[in-house]
N, C-alpha and C. Protein backbone atom coordinates (compact mmCIF):
# COMPACT_ATOMS: atom_id res chain seq x y z
N UNK A 1 11.74 -80.57 -38.83
CA UNK A 1 11.94 -80.76 -40.19
C UNK A 1 11.27 -80.57 -41.07
N UNK A 2 12.02 -80.05 -42.71
CA UNK A 2 11.89 -80.17 -43.51
C UNK A 2 10.82 -81.56 -44.58
N UNK A 3 9.94 -80.40 -44.63
CA UNK A 3 8.78 -81.49 -46.26
C UNK A 3 9.84 -82.13 -46.95
N UNK A 4 9.82 -83.11 -47.46
CA UNK A 4 10.60 -83.59 -48.64
C UNK A 4 9.89 -82.48 -50.17
N UNK A 5 10.53 -82.15 -51.15
CA UNK A 5 10.14 -81.64 -51.75
C UNK A 5 9.78 -82.74 -53.29
N UNK A 6 9.08 -82.51 -54.26
CA UNK A 6 9.17 -83.23 -55.09
C UNK A 6 10.31 -83.60 -55.83
N UNK A 7 10.75 -82.12 -56.01
CA UNK A 7 12.11 -82.46 -56.90
C UNK A 7 13.43 -82.48 -55.96
N UNK A 8 14.38 -83.39 -56.28
CA UNK A 8 15.53 -82.96 -55.38
C UNK A 8 16.15 -81.14 -55.77
N UNK A 9 16.95 -80.91 -54.34
CA UNK A 9 17.34 -79.46 -54.54
C UNK A 9 18.85 -79.42 -54.50
N UNK A 10 19.64 -78.70 -55.20
CA UNK A 10 20.74 -78.42 -55.11
C UNK A 10 21.60 -77.32 -55.07
N UNK A 11 22.30 -76.94 -53.67
CA UNK A 11 22.65 -75.61 -52.99
C UNK A 11 23.64 -75.19 -54.09
N UNK A 12 23.32 -73.69 -54.29
CA UNK A 12 24.58 -73.70 -55.65
C UNK A 12 24.95 -71.58 -54.91
N UNK A 13 26.56 -71.73 -55.12
CA UNK A 13 27.04 -70.76 -54.44
C UNK A 13 26.86 -69.56 -55.77
N UNK A 14 26.94 -68.41 -55.14
CA UNK A 14 27.17 -67.47 -56.86
C UNK A 14 27.37 -66.22 -55.79
N UNK A 15 28.69 -65.15 -56.59
CA UNK A 15 28.51 -63.79 -55.74
C UNK A 15 27.70 -62.50 -56.98
N UNK A 16 26.97 -61.98 -55.83
CA UNK A 16 26.67 -60.35 -56.52
C UNK A 16 27.30 -59.39 -56.50
N UNK A 17 27.25 -58.13 -57.06
CA UNK A 17 28.09 -57.10 -56.98
C UNK A 17 27.80 -56.29 -55.33
N UNK A 18 28.00 -55.63 -54.71
CA UNK A 18 27.21 -54.34 -53.99
C UNK A 18 26.02 -53.97 -54.33
N UNK A 19 26.81 -53.75 -55.34
CA UNK A 19 25.04 -52.66 -55.88
C UNK A 19 23.93 -53.61 -56.12
N UNK A 20 24.55 -54.69 -56.65
CA UNK A 20 23.38 -55.50 -57.08
C UNK A 20 22.25 -56.35 -56.15
N UNK A 21 23.35 -56.43 -55.10
CA UNK A 21 23.08 -57.14 -53.82
C UNK A 21 22.14 -56.05 -53.02
N UNK A 22 22.19 -54.67 -53.43
CA UNK A 22 20.78 -53.61 -52.70
C UNK A 22 20.28 -53.62 -52.67
N UNK A 23 20.45 -53.27 -54.95
CA UNK A 23 19.18 -52.98 -55.58
C UNK A 23 17.91 -54.44 -55.52
N UNK A 24 18.86 -55.52 -55.78
CA UNK A 24 18.05 -56.74 -55.13
C UNK A 24 16.90 -56.77 -54.24
N UNK A 25 17.40 -56.48 -52.74
CA UNK A 25 17.44 -56.76 -51.48
C UNK A 25 16.26 -55.68 -51.60
N UNK A 26 16.22 -54.88 -52.37
CA UNK A 26 14.92 -53.54 -52.07
C UNK A 26 13.45 -54.07 -52.78
N UNK A 27 14.20 -54.67 -54.14
CA UNK A 27 12.73 -55.16 -55.11
C UNK A 27 12.21 -56.64 -54.03
N UNK A 28 13.64 -57.43 -53.52
CA UNK A 28 12.44 -58.74 -52.68
C UNK A 28 11.68 -58.08 -51.82
N UNK A 29 12.05 -56.88 -51.04
CA UNK A 29 11.43 -56.83 -49.95
C UNK A 29 10.26 -56.53 -50.58
N UNK A 30 10.30 -55.53 -51.43
CA UNK A 30 9.21 -54.89 -52.05
C UNK A 30 7.91 -56.48 -52.40
N UNK A 31 8.25 -57.20 -53.06
CA UNK A 31 7.72 -57.80 -53.59
C UNK A 31 6.98 -59.49 -53.02
N UNK A 32 7.96 -59.44 -51.43
CA UNK A 32 7.79 -60.79 -50.73
C UNK A 32 8.41 -61.93 -51.13
N UNK A 33 8.96 -62.28 -52.09
CA UNK A 33 9.90 -63.30 -52.49
C UNK A 33 11.06 -63.15 -51.65
N UNK A 34 11.62 -64.27 -51.54
CA UNK A 34 12.90 -64.27 -51.06
C UNK A 34 14.09 -64.88 -52.16
N UNK A 35 14.93 -64.56 -51.99
CA UNK A 35 16.33 -64.83 -53.01
C UNK A 35 16.35 -65.69 -53.79
N UNK A 36 16.13 -66.86 -52.66
CA UNK A 36 16.04 -68.20 -53.23
C UNK A 36 15.04 -68.28 -54.58
N UNK A 37 14.14 -68.23 -54.36
CA UNK A 37 12.79 -67.88 -54.53
C UNK A 37 13.14 -67.11 -56.43
N UNK A 38 13.45 -66.11 -56.24
CA UNK A 38 13.35 -65.63 -57.13
C UNK A 38 14.61 -65.95 -58.12
N UNK A 39 15.70 -66.45 -57.86
CA UNK A 39 16.75 -67.02 -58.52
C UNK A 39 15.71 -68.23 -59.11
N UNK A 40 15.21 -68.65 -58.52
CA UNK A 40 14.79 -70.29 -59.40
C UNK A 40 14.18 -69.73 -60.36
N UNK A 41 12.87 -68.57 -59.97
CA UNK A 41 11.78 -68.31 -60.91
C UNK A 41 12.91 -67.71 -62.68
N UNK A 42 13.59 -67.14 -62.53
CA UNK A 42 14.26 -66.17 -63.11
C UNK A 42 14.86 -67.25 -64.07
N UNK A 43 15.96 -68.29 -63.62
CA UNK A 43 16.37 -68.76 -63.78
C UNK A 43 16.02 -70.10 -65.05
N UNK A 44 14.60 -70.89 -64.08
CA UNK A 44 13.08 -71.57 -64.63
C UNK A 44 12.97 -70.77 -66.13
N UNK A 45 12.59 -69.35 -65.76
CA UNK A 45 12.41 -68.37 -67.08
C UNK A 45 13.78 -68.47 -68.01
N UNK A 46 14.74 -68.34 -67.89
CA UNK A 46 15.80 -68.54 -68.64
C UNK A 46 15.81 -69.48 -69.38
N UNK A 47 15.64 -70.83 -68.60
CA UNK A 47 15.95 -72.22 -69.70
C UNK A 47 14.96 -72.46 -70.22
N UNK A 48 13.69 -72.53 -70.15
CA UNK A 48 12.57 -72.46 -70.91
C UNK A 48 12.74 -71.45 -72.08
N UNK A 49 12.96 -70.13 -71.79
CA UNK A 49 13.49 -69.50 -73.33
C UNK A 49 14.43 -70.16 -74.20
N UNK A 50 15.46 -70.46 -73.58
CA UNK A 50 16.41 -71.18 -74.21
C UNK A 50 15.95 -72.69 -74.75
N UNK A 51 15.10 -73.48 -74.34
CA UNK A 51 14.54 -73.98 -74.84
C UNK A 51 13.86 -73.70 -75.51
N UNK A 52 12.59 -73.11 -75.70
CA UNK A 52 11.89 -72.78 -77.16
C UNK A 52 12.53 -72.48 -77.90
N UNK A 53 13.57 -71.10 -77.83
CA UNK A 53 14.63 -70.98 -78.85
C UNK A 53 14.94 -72.26 -80.01
N UNK A 54 15.47 -73.33 -79.09
CA UNK A 54 16.15 -74.15 -79.79
C UNK A 54 15.26 -75.31 -80.66
N UNK A 55 13.96 -75.04 -79.95
CA UNK A 55 12.62 -76.03 -80.78
C UNK A 55 11.89 -75.00 -81.49
N UNK A 56 12.24 -74.13 -82.15
CA UNK A 56 12.06 -72.61 -82.76
C UNK A 56 12.85 -72.84 -83.80
N UNK A 57 14.05 -73.07 -83.43
CA UNK A 57 15.24 -73.09 -84.56
C UNK A 57 15.15 -74.21 -85.18
N UNK A 58 14.81 -75.64 -84.75
CA UNK A 58 14.58 -77.16 -85.22
C UNK A 58 13.19 -76.63 -86.21
N UNK A 59 12.59 -76.32 -86.02
CA UNK A 59 11.36 -75.94 -86.98
C UNK A 59 12.07 -75.14 -88.18
N UNK A 60 12.42 -74.68 -87.68
CA UNK A 60 12.89 -73.12 -89.05
C UNK A 60 13.82 -73.75 -89.90
N UNK A 61 14.66 -74.90 -89.21
CA UNK A 61 15.47 -75.67 -90.32
C UNK A 61 14.42 -76.72 -90.96
N UNK A 62 13.35 -77.52 -90.06
CA UNK A 62 12.92 -78.47 -91.07
C UNK A 62 11.95 -77.96 -91.98
N UNK A 63 11.37 -76.79 -91.97
CA UNK A 63 10.86 -75.65 -92.85
C UNK A 63 11.38 -75.34 -94.11
N UNK A 64 13.24 -75.34 -93.81
CA UNK A 64 14.10 -75.25 -94.87
C UNK A 64 13.95 -76.25 -95.97
N UNK A 65 14.19 -77.40 -94.81
CA UNK A 65 14.29 -78.26 -95.76
C UNK A 65 13.16 -78.79 -96.67
N UNK A 66 12.07 -78.61 -95.78
CA UNK A 66 11.01 -79.20 -96.85
C UNK A 66 10.46 -78.08 -97.66
N UNK A 67 10.93 -77.07 -97.69
CA UNK A 67 10.24 -76.30 -98.52
C UNK A 67 11.47 -76.74 -99.63
N UNK A 68 12.51 -76.64 -99.47
CA UNK A 68 13.73 -76.93 -100.64
C UNK A 68 13.53 -78.09 -101.14
N UNK A 69 12.72 -79.57 -100.64
CA UNK A 69 12.60 -80.37 -101.45
C UNK A 69 11.07 -80.43 -101.69
N UNK A 70 10.66 -79.32 -101.42
CA UNK A 70 9.05 -79.25 -102.64
C UNK A 70 9.47 -78.82 -104.10
N UNK A 71 10.23 -77.54 -103.33
CA UNK A 71 11.21 -77.25 -105.14
C UNK A 71 11.55 -78.26 -106.12
N UNK A 72 12.20 -78.62 -105.14
CA UNK A 72 12.98 -80.18 -106.28
C UNK A 72 12.11 -81.03 -106.59
N UNK A 73 10.89 -81.22 -105.49
CA UNK A 73 10.08 -82.43 -106.11
C UNK A 73 9.14 -81.86 -107.01
N UNK A 74 9.00 -80.44 -107.20
CA UNK A 74 7.83 -79.99 -107.88
C UNK A 74 8.61 -79.53 -109.38
N UNK A 75 9.94 -79.72 -109.47
CA UNK A 75 10.99 -79.33 -110.70
C UNK A 75 11.10 -80.75 -111.57
N UNK A 76 11.41 -81.32 -110.72
CA UNK A 76 11.32 -82.94 -111.53
C UNK A 76 10.03 -83.42 -111.56
N UNK A 77 8.37 -82.81 -111.42
CA UNK A 77 7.20 -82.91 -112.06
C UNK A 77 7.50 -82.80 -112.97
N UNK A 78 7.41 -81.36 -113.39
CA UNK A 78 7.06 -80.42 -113.98
C UNK A 78 8.04 -81.56 -115.60
N UNK A 79 9.33 -81.65 -115.05
CA UNK A 79 10.52 -82.72 -116.19
C UNK A 79 9.50 -83.81 -116.90
N UNK A 80 9.16 -84.73 -115.74
CA UNK A 80 8.80 -85.51 -116.22
C UNK A 80 7.31 -85.50 -116.81
N UNK A 81 6.19 -84.11 -116.24
CA UNK A 81 5.72 -83.96 -117.19
C UNK A 81 5.78 -83.40 -118.57
N UNK A 82 6.80 -83.06 -118.78
CA UNK A 82 6.88 -82.36 -120.24
C UNK A 82 7.33 -83.85 -121.19
N UNK A 83 7.77 -84.76 -120.33
CA UNK A 83 8.44 -85.15 -120.99
C UNK A 83 7.18 -85.97 -121.93
N UNK A 84 6.15 -86.16 -121.11
CA UNK A 84 5.11 -87.12 -121.38
C UNK A 84 4.14 -86.34 -122.64
């Protein structure tokens, strides 16, 4: 009987071209991984990259917003100081 994984697993089916399948088999044999582990590792890295890109874009937008607000506030301060 299989040990219970800490995460729920779901089976997915997909197709590979024959050429890609042959090439993958060569590298899997050399690496000692199995196809399922290779796909999990690659998909995990891909998802992490997308999540990092999303966070990076949110940080860029926030920086742009605060930069614009800082410029606006600086202009308002200059205007207020000129009145004094």
